[in-house]
Each structure stands twice: as structure tokens, then as C-alpha cells.
Amino acid sequence: MKKFLIVIISIISFILICCLLIFFLLKPRDKVSYDIEKWKNLENKQPFLPSVDELGEYTDLKCKFFHKDLFIFESDAYVLRVTYGDEAFGQQKDYINDHYVMQEKVMENGLERETFFTLDGFYFQMLSQKEYKLYYPRTMAFIGISEENNEIAYVFYHDIDLDYIGGSLSDFLIEDCGWE
């Protein structure tokens, strides 16, 4: 009877250890950084994104790097939010309109999907997949403009394993890109 009890306890302990190991391996691990150096590293890899030096005369600058890690699946998102005075904001909007090509629609699961949306007072548009050598949904970039706050947001997302988004792009920015 004592040997039987030891075997049962050993089996239960082994199962518990395996469950805990699986839990820790598959548990999402998010890393967040607000260091502007993360954006500067990205702008070197993605030359179509504005460098900090090209942002004009801004009054405030916020950067967020959001890394999600789920076992072997990883994604990186970068958000740069720039606030301007009235004159500089108008100049930056003109620059965006003159220098960026936007994506009209993308295909997802055989259906056309709109590439523009609003979120927190920003009107977002996806940058052209063809023009900037992006690959929806694995690599995307957005520019958002908030008229009420004189703010422009640049978002870049990369996940080599992502096959589709499914939900709304605004929910995607919140959940997968770390929009705050």
C-alpha cells in the first residue's frame, strides 16, 4: 500500500511539473520600453519611417516599443507620437500627404479589408504595401493624425508568423501594438 501511494504521488507530481512547465513556456511575455533609441534603431532598418531629426519642431515626443513573446511566436510594435504647435502641425500634415503613399485595401481570407480607421481621435491609414515593401499582415505601418490634439502617430508592426488579424484594426493597434 505504501509503494502504491508513493507511485500515485510521484505521478501526480510529474503531471503538475509538466503542467507548470507548459504554462511557463506558453505564457505570453510582454516587454515594453519607452526609450527613443528603439525608434532610432527601427528608422535605420525602415528608411521610409521618419527619423527623429525629420520630425520638425514638435512640442512633445512619445515613443513606445512593445514586444510580445509567446513561446516561439514573437512580434514587435513601435509607436511614435508627436505633438506640434499649429503651424508645424500643418506643415507635417502637408509633408505626409506629399511624401507617403497609402494603401487603399488589403485582402484577408479572400475578402477586401479597409485600411483606414479611427482610434482615440486619430484617423489612421495604412502605408502602401507595394511602395514600402511591406507584407500584410506580417509587416505593416500606419500613420494617424489627430486634428484635435495636433498630434501625428507613426506605428510599425512586425510578426513573421501572423497569418490574419480577424478583428478590427483599431483593436489590433490596442492589443498587438500596445496603443495607449
N, C-alpha and C. Protein backbone atom coordinates (compact mmCIF):
# COMPACT_ATOMS: atom_id res chain seq x y z
N MET A 1 0.82 -1.20 0.00
CA MET A 1 0.00 0.00 0.00
C MET A 1 0.86 1.26 0.00
N LYS A 2 1.95 1.22 0.76
CA LYS A 2 2.84 2.38 0.84
C LYS A 2 3.50 2.64 -0.50
N LYS A 3 3.91 1.58 -1.21
CA LYS A 3 4.53 1.73 -2.53
C LYS A 3 3.52 2.29 -3.53
N PHE A 4 2.28 1.86 -3.44
CA PHE A 4 1.23 2.35 -4.33
C PHE A 4 1.01 3.85 -4.12
N LEU A 5 0.99 4.28 -2.87
CA LEU A 5 0.82 5.69 -2.53
C LEU A 5 1.99 6.53 -3.06
N ILE A 6 3.19 6.02 -2.95
CA ILE A 6 4.37 6.73 -3.47
C ILE A 6 4.30 6.85 -4.99
N VAL A 7 3.87 5.81 -5.66
CA VAL A 7 3.73 5.85 -7.12
C VAL A 7 2.68 6.89 -7.53
N ILE A 8 1.55 6.91 -6.85
CA ILE A 8 0.48 7.88 -7.15
C ILE A 8 0.97 9.31 -6.94
N ILE A 9 1.63 9.55 -5.82
CA ILE A 9 2.16 10.89 -5.53
C ILE A 9 3.21 11.29 -6.57
N SER A 10 4.05 10.35 -6.97
CA SER A 10 5.06 10.62 -8.00
C SER A 10 4.41 10.98 -9.33
N ILE A 11 3.39 10.25 -9.71
CA ILE A 11 2.69 10.52 -10.98
C ILE A 11 2.02 11.89 -10.94
N ILE A 12 1.35 12.18 -9.84
CA ILE A 12 0.68 13.49 -9.71
C ILE A 12 1.72 14.61 -9.72
N SER A 13 2.83 14.42 -9.04
CA SER A 13 3.90 15.43 -9.03
C SER A 13 4.46 15.65 -10.43
N PHE A 14 4.68 14.57 -11.15
CA PHE A 14 5.19 14.66 -12.53
C PHE A 14 4.20 15.43 -13.42
N ILE A 15 2.93 15.13 -13.30
CA ILE A 15 1.91 15.83 -14.10
C ILE A 15 1.88 17.31 -13.74
N LEU A 16 1.96 17.63 -12.46
CA LEU A 16 1.97 19.03 -12.03
C LEU A 16 3.18 19.78 -12.58
N ILE A 17 4.33 19.16 -12.51
CA ILE A 17 5.55 19.79 -13.02
C ILE A 17 5.43 20.01 -14.53
N CYS A 18 4.90 19.03 -15.25
CA CYS A 18 4.71 19.19 -16.70
C CYS A 18 3.73 20.31 -17.01
N CYS A 19 2.63 20.40 -16.26
CA CYS A 19 1.65 21.47 -16.47
C CYS A 19 2.27 22.84 -16.21
N LEU A 20 3.04 22.95 -15.13
CA LEU A 20 3.70 24.23 -14.83
C LEU A 20 4.71 24.60 -15.91
N LEU A 21 5.45 23.63 -16.38
CA LEU A 21 6.42 23.88 -17.45
C LEU A 21 5.72 24.36 -18.71
N ILE A 22 4.66 23.69 -19.09
CA ILE A 22 3.89 24.11 -20.28
C ILE A 22 3.32 25.50 -20.08
N PHE A 23 2.79 25.78 -18.90
CA PHE A 23 2.24 27.11 -18.60
C PHE A 23 3.29 28.19 -18.77
N PHE A 24 4.47 27.98 -18.23
CA PHE A 24 5.52 28.99 -18.31
C PHE A 24 6.09 29.12 -19.72
N LEU A 25 6.12 28.05 -20.47
CA LEU A 25 6.60 28.12 -21.85
C LEU A 25 5.60 28.83 -22.77
N LEU A 26 4.32 28.62 -22.53
CA LEU A 26 3.30 29.18 -23.41
C LEU A 26 2.70 30.49 -22.90
N LYS A 27 3.10 30.92 -21.74
CA LYS A 27 2.59 32.17 -21.18
C LYS A 27 3.18 33.34 -21.96
N PRO A 28 2.31 34.26 -22.41
CA PRO A 28 2.84 35.41 -23.13
C PRO A 28 3.74 36.26 -22.23
N ARG A 29 4.84 36.69 -22.80
CA ARG A 29 5.76 37.56 -22.08
C ARG A 29 5.87 38.86 -22.88
N ASP A 30 5.38 39.92 -22.32
CA ASP A 30 5.41 41.21 -22.99
C ASP A 30 6.53 42.06 -22.41
N LYS A 31 7.21 42.76 -23.30
CA LYS A 31 8.27 43.68 -22.88
C LYS A 31 7.91 45.05 -23.44
N VAL A 32 8.02 46.05 -22.62
CA VAL A 32 7.69 47.40 -23.03
C VAL A 32 8.86 48.31 -22.73
N SER A 33 9.16 49.19 -23.68
CA SER A 33 10.20 50.18 -23.47
C SER A 33 9.71 51.52 -24.03
N TYR A 34 10.05 52.59 -23.35
CA TYR A 34 9.70 53.93 -23.81
C TYR A 34 10.95 54.69 -24.27
N ASP A 35 12.00 53.97 -24.53
CA ASP A 35 13.28 54.55 -24.93
C ASP A 35 13.25 54.94 -26.42
N ILE A 36 13.53 56.18 -26.72
CA ILE A 36 13.52 56.68 -28.10
C ILE A 36 14.57 55.97 -28.96
N GLU A 37 15.57 55.38 -28.34
CA GLU A 37 16.61 54.66 -29.09
C GLU A 37 16.02 53.48 -29.87
N LYS A 38 14.94 52.90 -29.36
CA LYS A 38 14.27 51.80 -30.07
C LYS A 38 13.76 52.29 -31.42
N TRP A 39 13.17 53.50 -31.44
CA TRP A 39 12.69 54.08 -32.71
C TRP A 39 13.87 54.40 -33.62
N LYS A 40 14.92 54.93 -33.05
CA LYS A 40 16.10 55.27 -33.87
C LYS A 40 16.70 54.02 -34.51
N ASN A 41 16.70 52.89 -33.82
CA ASN A 41 17.17 51.64 -34.42
C ASN A 41 16.24 51.20 -35.54
N LEU A 42 14.94 51.38 -35.34
CA LEU A 42 13.96 51.00 -36.36
C LEU A 42 14.09 51.87 -37.60
N GLU A 43 14.26 53.17 -37.42
CA GLU A 43 14.33 54.08 -38.57
C GLU A 43 15.53 53.76 -39.45
N ASN A 44 16.58 53.17 -38.88
CA ASN A 44 17.73 52.75 -39.68
C ASN A 44 17.39 51.55 -40.55
N LYS A 45 16.49 50.68 -40.06
CA LYS A 45 16.09 49.48 -40.80
C LYS A 45 14.96 49.74 -41.78
N GLN A 46 14.13 50.72 -41.49
CA GLN A 46 12.96 51.06 -42.32
C GLN A 46 13.09 52.52 -42.75
N PRO A 47 13.79 52.79 -43.84
CA PRO A 47 14.10 54.17 -44.20
C PRO A 47 12.89 55.02 -44.57
N PHE A 48 11.74 54.43 -44.83
CA PHE A 48 10.55 55.22 -45.14
C PHE A 48 9.94 55.85 -43.89
N LEU A 49 10.29 55.34 -42.71
CA LEU A 49 9.79 55.93 -41.47
C LEU A 49 10.60 57.18 -41.15
N PRO A 50 9.96 58.18 -40.56
CA PRO A 50 10.69 59.42 -40.28
C PRO A 50 11.71 59.23 -39.16
N SER A 51 12.86 59.86 -39.34
CA SER A 51 13.82 59.86 -38.25
C SER A 51 13.41 60.97 -37.28
N VAL A 52 13.90 60.89 -36.08
CA VAL A 52 13.57 61.91 -35.08
C VAL A 52 14.01 63.29 -35.58
N ASP A 53 15.11 63.34 -36.33
CA ASP A 53 15.60 64.62 -36.86
C ASP A 53 14.68 65.20 -37.93
N GLU A 54 13.86 64.35 -38.57
CA GLU A 54 12.98 64.80 -39.65
C GLU A 54 11.58 65.17 -39.18
N LEU A 55 11.35 65.16 -37.89
CA LEU A 55 10.01 65.38 -37.37
C LEU A 55 9.61 66.85 -37.28
N GLY A 56 10.50 67.74 -37.56
CA GLY A 56 10.18 69.17 -37.48
C GLY A 56 10.20 69.65 -36.04
N GLU A 57 9.58 70.81 -35.83
CA GLU A 57 9.56 71.42 -34.50
C GLU A 57 8.35 70.92 -33.73
N TYR A 58 8.55 69.92 -32.91
CA TYR A 58 7.47 69.36 -32.12
C TYR A 58 7.52 69.88 -30.70
N THR A 59 6.37 69.78 -30.01
CA THR A 59 6.31 70.21 -28.61
C THR A 59 6.41 69.02 -27.65
N ASP A 60 6.07 67.82 -28.15
CA ASP A 60 6.16 66.63 -27.31
C ASP A 60 6.41 65.41 -28.19
N LEU A 61 7.15 64.47 -27.65
CA LEU A 61 7.50 63.26 -28.39
C LEU A 61 7.41 62.08 -27.44
N LYS A 62 6.63 61.05 -27.83
CA LYS A 62 6.49 59.85 -27.02
C LYS A 62 6.77 58.64 -27.91
N CYS A 63 7.52 57.71 -27.37
CA CYS A 63 7.86 56.51 -28.11
C CYS A 63 7.54 55.30 -27.25
N LYS A 64 7.05 54.24 -27.90
CA LYS A 64 6.78 53.00 -27.18
C LYS A 64 7.18 51.83 -28.06
N PHE A 65 7.95 50.93 -27.49
CA PHE A 65 8.31 49.67 -28.14
C PHE A 65 7.59 48.58 -27.37
N PHE A 66 6.86 47.72 -28.09
CA PHE A 66 6.06 46.68 -27.46
C PHE A 66 6.42 45.34 -28.09
N HIS A 67 7.06 44.48 -27.30
CA HIS A 67 7.48 43.15 -27.79
C HIS A 67 6.62 42.10 -27.10
N LYS A 68 5.95 41.27 -27.91
CA LYS A 68 5.16 40.16 -27.38
C LYS A 68 5.88 38.86 -27.72
N ASP A 69 5.96 38.00 -26.73
CA ASP A 69 6.68 36.74 -26.88
C ASP A 69 5.80 35.62 -26.35
N LEU A 70 5.37 34.73 -27.25
CA LEU A 70 4.57 33.58 -26.86
C LEU A 70 5.27 32.33 -27.36
N PHE A 71 6.13 31.78 -26.51
CA PHE A 71 6.95 30.62 -26.82
C PHE A 71 7.82 30.92 -28.04
N ILE A 72 7.51 30.38 -29.22
CA ILE A 72 8.33 30.65 -30.41
C ILE A 72 7.75 31.75 -31.27
N PHE A 73 6.59 32.28 -30.92
CA PHE A 73 5.94 33.33 -31.70
C PHE A 73 6.24 34.68 -31.07
N GLU A 74 6.82 35.57 -31.87
CA GLU A 74 7.19 36.89 -31.36
C GLU A 74 6.70 37.98 -32.30
N SER A 75 6.40 39.14 -31.73
CA SER A 75 6.04 40.30 -32.53
C SER A 75 6.65 41.54 -31.91
N ASP A 76 6.91 42.52 -32.75
CA ASP A 76 7.43 43.80 -32.32
C ASP A 76 6.56 44.91 -32.87
N ALA A 77 6.24 45.87 -32.04
CA ALA A 77 5.46 47.03 -32.46
C ALA A 77 6.14 48.29 -31.92
N TYR A 78 6.13 49.31 -32.75
CA TYR A 78 6.73 50.60 -32.41
C TYR A 78 5.67 51.67 -32.62
N VAL A 79 5.52 52.54 -31.64
CA VAL A 79 4.58 53.65 -31.76
C VAL A 79 5.34 54.94 -31.43
N LEU A 80 5.27 55.89 -32.34
CA LEU A 80 5.88 57.20 -32.13
C LEU A 80 4.77 58.24 -32.24
N ARG A 81 4.55 58.99 -31.16
CA ARG A 81 3.51 60.02 -31.16
C ARG A 81 4.18 61.38 -31.00
N VAL A 82 3.85 62.27 -31.94
CA VAL A 82 4.50 63.57 -31.99
C VAL A 82 3.43 64.66 -31.93
N THR A 83 3.57 65.59 -30.99
CA THR A 83 2.63 66.71 -30.84
C THR A 83 3.30 67.98 -31.35
N TYR A 84 2.51 68.79 -32.06
CA TYR A 84 3.02 70.01 -32.70
C TYR A 84 2.19 71.22 -32.31
N GLY A 85 2.80 72.39 -32.50
CA GLY A 85 2.05 73.63 -32.48
C GLY A 85 1.27 73.73 -33.79
N ASP A 86 0.39 74.72 -33.91
CA ASP A 86 -0.50 74.83 -35.07
C ASP A 86 0.24 74.89 -36.40
N GLU A 87 1.22 75.76 -36.53
CA GLU A 87 1.92 75.93 -37.81
C GLU A 87 2.72 74.68 -38.19
N ALA A 88 3.48 74.15 -37.25
CA ALA A 88 4.29 72.97 -37.52
C ALA A 88 3.40 71.76 -37.83
N PHE A 89 2.25 71.67 -37.18
CA PHE A 89 1.32 70.56 -37.44
C PHE A 89 0.83 70.62 -38.88
N GLY A 90 0.46 71.78 -39.35
CA GLY A 90 0.03 71.93 -40.74
C GLY A 90 1.13 71.55 -41.72
N GLN A 91 2.36 71.93 -41.42
CA GLN A 91 3.49 71.58 -42.28
C GLN A 91 3.72 70.07 -42.31
N GLN A 92 3.62 69.43 -41.16
CA GLN A 92 3.83 67.98 -41.10
C GLN A 92 2.72 67.22 -41.82
N LYS A 93 1.48 67.70 -41.71
CA LYS A 93 0.39 67.06 -42.45
C LYS A 93 0.62 67.18 -43.95
N ASP A 94 1.05 68.36 -44.39
CA ASP A 94 1.36 68.54 -45.82
C ASP A 94 2.48 67.61 -46.25
N TYR A 95 3.50 67.48 -45.42
CA TYR A 95 4.62 66.60 -45.74
C TYR A 95 4.13 65.15 -45.90
N ILE A 96 3.30 64.71 -44.99
CA ILE A 96 2.76 63.34 -45.05
C ILE A 96 1.96 63.15 -46.33
N ASN A 97 1.09 64.11 -46.64
CA ASN A 97 0.26 64.00 -47.85
C ASN A 97 1.10 63.99 -49.12
N ASP A 98 2.22 64.71 -49.12
CA ASP A 98 3.08 64.81 -50.31
C ASP A 98 4.07 63.66 -50.44
N HIS A 99 4.44 63.02 -49.33
CA HIS A 99 5.55 62.06 -49.37
C HIS A 99 5.18 60.60 -49.07
N TYR A 100 3.99 60.34 -48.63
CA TYR A 100 3.62 58.96 -48.30
C TYR A 100 2.52 58.45 -49.22
N VAL A 101 2.62 57.18 -49.58
CA VAL A 101 1.60 56.52 -50.38
C VAL A 101 0.83 55.60 -49.44
N MET A 102 -0.50 55.73 -49.47
CA MET A 102 -1.34 54.95 -48.57
C MET A 102 -1.95 53.75 -49.29
N GLN A 103 -2.22 52.71 -48.53
CA GLN A 103 -2.84 51.50 -49.05
C GLN A 103 -4.36 51.70 -49.03
N GLU A 104 -5.02 51.39 -50.13
CA GLU A 104 -6.48 51.54 -50.21
C GLU A 104 -7.19 50.38 -49.52
N LYS A 105 -6.84 49.16 -49.90
CA LYS A 105 -7.47 47.96 -49.35
C LYS A 105 -6.43 46.85 -49.31
N VAL A 106 -6.69 45.85 -48.48
CA VAL A 106 -5.87 44.64 -48.45
C VAL A 106 -6.81 43.44 -48.48
N MET A 107 -6.27 42.31 -48.88
CA MET A 107 -7.06 41.08 -48.89
C MET A 107 -6.74 40.27 -47.63
N GLU A 108 -7.80 39.80 -46.98
CA GLU A 108 -7.63 38.95 -45.82
C GLU A 108 -8.66 37.83 -45.89
N ASN A 109 -8.18 36.61 -45.97
CA ASN A 109 -9.05 35.44 -46.10
C ASN A 109 -10.00 35.56 -47.28
N GLY A 110 -9.51 36.09 -48.40
CA GLY A 110 -10.31 36.21 -49.61
C GLY A 110 -11.26 37.38 -49.64
N LEU A 111 -11.26 38.21 -48.61
CA LEU A 111 -12.16 39.37 -48.56
C LEU A 111 -11.34 40.65 -48.53
N GLU A 112 -11.90 41.69 -49.17
CA GLU A 112 -11.24 43.00 -49.11
C GLU A 112 -11.45 43.62 -47.74
N ARG A 113 -10.43 44.25 -47.24
CA ARG A 113 -10.49 44.89 -45.93
C ARG A 113 -10.06 46.34 -46.08
N GLU A 114 -10.79 47.24 -45.44
CA GLU A 114 -10.44 48.66 -45.43
C GLU A 114 -9.16 48.86 -44.63
N THR A 115 -8.38 49.83 -45.02
CA THR A 115 -7.08 50.05 -44.37
C THR A 115 -7.02 51.37 -43.62
N PHE A 116 -8.16 51.96 -43.36
CA PHE A 116 -8.21 53.19 -42.59
C PHE A 116 -9.24 53.02 -41.48
N PHE A 117 -9.01 53.71 -40.38
CA PHE A 117 -9.89 53.60 -39.22
C PHE A 117 -9.61 54.75 -38.27
N THR A 118 -10.48 54.94 -37.31
CA THR A 118 -10.27 55.96 -36.29
C THR A 118 -10.09 55.29 -34.93
N LEU A 119 -9.27 55.93 -34.12
CA LEU A 119 -8.99 55.43 -32.77
C LEU A 119 -8.53 56.61 -31.91
N ASP A 120 -9.20 56.83 -30.83
CA ASP A 120 -8.84 57.90 -29.86
C ASP A 120 -8.64 59.25 -30.53
N GLY A 121 -9.50 59.61 -31.48
CA GLY A 121 -9.41 60.90 -32.15
C GLY A 121 -8.39 60.94 -33.28
N PHE A 122 -7.73 59.85 -33.57
CA PHE A 122 -6.77 59.75 -34.67
C PHE A 122 -7.46 59.12 -35.88
N TYR A 123 -7.15 59.63 -37.05
CA TYR A 123 -7.56 58.99 -38.29
C TYR A 123 -6.32 58.28 -38.84
N PHE A 124 -6.35 56.94 -38.82
CA PHE A 124 -5.21 56.13 -39.24
C PHE A 124 -5.38 55.65 -40.67
N GLN A 125 -4.25 55.59 -41.37
CA GLN A 125 -4.20 55.00 -42.70
C GLN A 125 -2.98 54.08 -42.76
N MET A 126 -3.14 52.97 -43.46
CA MET A 126 -2.04 52.03 -43.63
C MET A 126 -1.16 52.50 -44.79
N LEU A 127 0.14 52.37 -44.62
CA LEU A 127 1.06 52.71 -45.69
C LEU A 127 1.03 51.62 -46.76
N SER A 128 1.34 52.01 -47.99
CA SER A 128 1.30 51.11 -49.13
C SER A 128 2.22 49.91 -48.95
N GLN A 129 1.64 48.74 -49.15
CA GLN A 129 2.41 47.50 -49.05
C GLN A 129 3.46 47.43 -50.16
N LYS A 130 3.05 47.77 -51.36
CA LYS A 130 3.94 47.67 -52.52
C LYS A 130 5.05 48.73 -52.46
N GLU A 131 4.67 49.95 -52.20
CA GLU A 131 5.62 51.07 -52.20
C GLU A 131 6.73 50.90 -51.16
N TYR A 132 6.38 50.37 -49.99
CA TYR A 132 7.34 50.29 -48.89
C TYR A 132 7.81 48.86 -48.60
N LYS A 133 7.46 47.95 -49.50
CA LYS A 133 7.88 46.54 -49.38
C LYS A 133 7.45 45.94 -48.04
N LEU A 134 6.18 46.15 -47.72
CA LEU A 134 5.57 45.59 -46.52
C LEU A 134 4.74 44.39 -46.93
N TYR A 135 4.39 43.54 -45.99
CA TYR A 135 3.65 42.32 -46.32
C TYR A 135 2.54 42.12 -45.30
N TYR A 136 1.34 42.50 -45.68
CA TYR A 136 0.18 42.37 -44.80
C TYR A 136 -0.12 40.91 -44.54
N PRO A 137 -0.39 40.51 -43.32
CA PRO A 137 -0.41 41.27 -42.07
C PRO A 137 0.88 41.17 -41.27
N ARG A 138 1.90 40.57 -41.86
CA ARG A 138 3.13 40.32 -41.10
C ARG A 138 3.95 41.58 -40.84
N THR A 139 3.93 42.49 -41.78
CA THR A 139 4.66 43.75 -41.61
C THR A 139 3.75 44.87 -42.10
N MET A 140 3.45 45.80 -41.20
CA MET A 140 2.54 46.89 -41.52
C MET A 140 3.04 48.18 -40.90
N ALA A 141 2.62 49.27 -41.51
CA ALA A 141 2.91 50.60 -40.96
C ALA A 141 1.67 51.47 -41.13
N PHE A 142 1.42 52.31 -40.15
CA PHE A 142 0.27 53.20 -40.16
C PHE A 142 0.73 54.61 -39.80
N ILE A 143 -0.01 55.58 -40.32
CA ILE A 143 0.16 56.96 -39.87
C ILE A 143 -1.21 57.43 -39.43
N GLY A 144 -1.26 57.99 -38.22
CA GLY A 144 -2.51 58.51 -37.68
C GLY A 144 -2.38 60.00 -37.41
N ILE A 145 -3.44 60.73 -37.70
CA ILE A 145 -3.44 62.18 -37.49
C ILE A 145 -4.61 62.56 -36.60
N SER A 146 -4.32 63.30 -35.55
CA SER A 146 -5.35 63.82 -34.65
C SER A 146 -5.42 65.34 -34.81
N GLU A 147 -6.47 65.79 -35.47
CA GLU A 147 -6.67 67.24 -35.68
C GLU A 147 -6.91 67.95 -34.35
N GLU A 148 -7.63 67.30 -33.44
CA GLU A 148 -7.98 67.97 -32.19
C GLU A 148 -6.79 68.16 -31.26
N ASN A 149 -5.77 67.31 -31.36
CA ASN A 149 -4.60 67.42 -30.48
C ASN A 149 -3.33 67.86 -31.20
N ASN A 150 -3.43 68.15 -32.51
CA ASN A 150 -2.24 68.50 -33.31
C ASN A 150 -1.16 67.42 -33.14
N GLU A 151 -1.59 66.18 -33.25
CA GLU A 151 -0.69 65.06 -32.99
C GLU A 151 -0.65 64.11 -34.19
N ILE A 152 0.53 63.58 -34.46
CA ILE A 152 0.71 62.60 -35.53
C ILE A 152 1.35 61.36 -34.90
N ALA A 153 0.79 60.20 -35.25
CA ALA A 153 1.30 58.93 -34.71
C ALA A 153 1.81 58.07 -35.87
N TYR A 154 2.96 57.48 -35.67
CA TYR A 154 3.55 56.54 -36.62
C TYR A 154 3.60 55.19 -35.92
N VAL A 155 3.08 54.16 -36.58
CA VAL A 155 3.05 52.82 -35.99
C VAL A 155 3.69 51.85 -36.98
N PHE A 156 4.58 51.03 -36.47
CA PHE A 156 5.19 49.97 -37.28
C PHE A 156 5.03 48.66 -36.54
N TYR A 157 4.63 47.61 -37.27
CA TYR A 157 4.38 46.30 -36.66
C TYR A 157 5.05 45.22 -37.48
N HIS A 158 5.63 44.23 -36.78
CA HIS A 158 6.27 43.11 -37.47
C HIS A 158 6.06 41.82 -36.68
N ASP A 159 5.52 40.80 -37.37
CA ASP A 159 5.35 39.46 -36.80
C ASP A 159 5.42 38.48 -37.96
N ILE A 160 6.50 37.76 -38.08
CA ILE A 160 6.74 36.88 -39.22
C ILE A 160 5.74 35.73 -39.30
N ASP A 161 5.06 35.41 -38.20
CA ASP A 161 4.16 34.26 -38.16
C ASP A 161 2.67 34.63 -38.29
N LEU A 162 2.33 35.90 -38.31
CA LEU A 162 0.93 36.30 -38.33
C LEU A 162 0.31 36.05 -39.71
N ASP A 163 -0.79 35.30 -39.74
CA ASP A 163 -1.45 34.98 -41.00
C ASP A 163 -2.68 35.84 -41.26
N TYR A 164 -3.37 36.28 -40.24
CA TYR A 164 -4.53 37.15 -40.40
C TYR A 164 -4.81 37.87 -39.09
N ILE A 165 -5.53 38.98 -39.19
CA ILE A 165 -5.87 39.76 -38.00
C ILE A 165 -7.25 39.38 -37.49
N GLY A 166 -8.19 39.27 -38.39
CA GLY A 166 -9.53 38.85 -38.00
C GLY A 166 -10.38 39.98 -37.45
N GLY A 167 -9.99 40.60 -36.37
CA GLY A 167 -10.77 41.67 -35.75
C GLY A 167 -10.51 43.02 -36.41
N SER A 168 -10.95 44.06 -35.76
CA SER A 168 -10.78 45.41 -36.30
C SER A 168 -9.32 45.86 -36.17
N LEU A 169 -8.93 46.76 -37.06
CA LEU A 169 -7.56 47.29 -36.99
C LEU A 169 -7.36 48.15 -35.75
N SER A 170 -8.41 48.82 -35.28
CA SER A 170 -8.25 49.61 -34.06
C SER A 170 -8.01 48.70 -32.85
N ASP A 171 -8.72 47.57 -32.77
CA ASP A 171 -8.45 46.60 -31.70
C ASP A 171 -7.05 46.02 -31.83
N PHE A 172 -6.62 45.79 -33.06
CA PHE A 172 -5.27 45.29 -33.31
C PHE A 172 -4.22 46.27 -32.77
N LEU A 173 -4.41 47.58 -33.03
CA LEU A 173 -3.45 48.56 -32.52
C LEU A 173 -3.39 48.55 -30.99
N ILE A 174 -4.52 48.37 -30.36
CA ILE A 174 -4.55 48.36 -28.89
C ILE A 174 -3.90 47.09 -28.35
N GLU A 175 -4.33 45.94 -28.84
CA GLU A 175 -3.91 44.66 -28.28
C GLU A 175 -2.52 44.22 -28.72
N ASP A 176 -2.19 44.44 -30.00
CA ASP A 176 -0.94 43.90 -30.52
C ASP A 176 0.16 44.95 -30.70
N CYS A 177 -0.22 46.19 -30.77
CA CYS A 177 0.78 47.25 -30.95
C CYS A 177 0.99 48.06 -29.68
N GLY A 178 0.21 47.80 -28.65
CA GLY A 178 0.41 48.49 -27.38
C GLY A 178 -0.05 49.93 -27.37
N TRP A 179 -1.03 50.27 -28.21
CA TRP A 179 -1.54 51.65 -28.26
C TRP A 179 -2.14 52.01 -26.90
N GLU A 180 -1.78 53.19 -26.40
CA GLU A 180 -2.33 53.68 -25.12
C GLU A 180 -3.00 55.01 -25.34
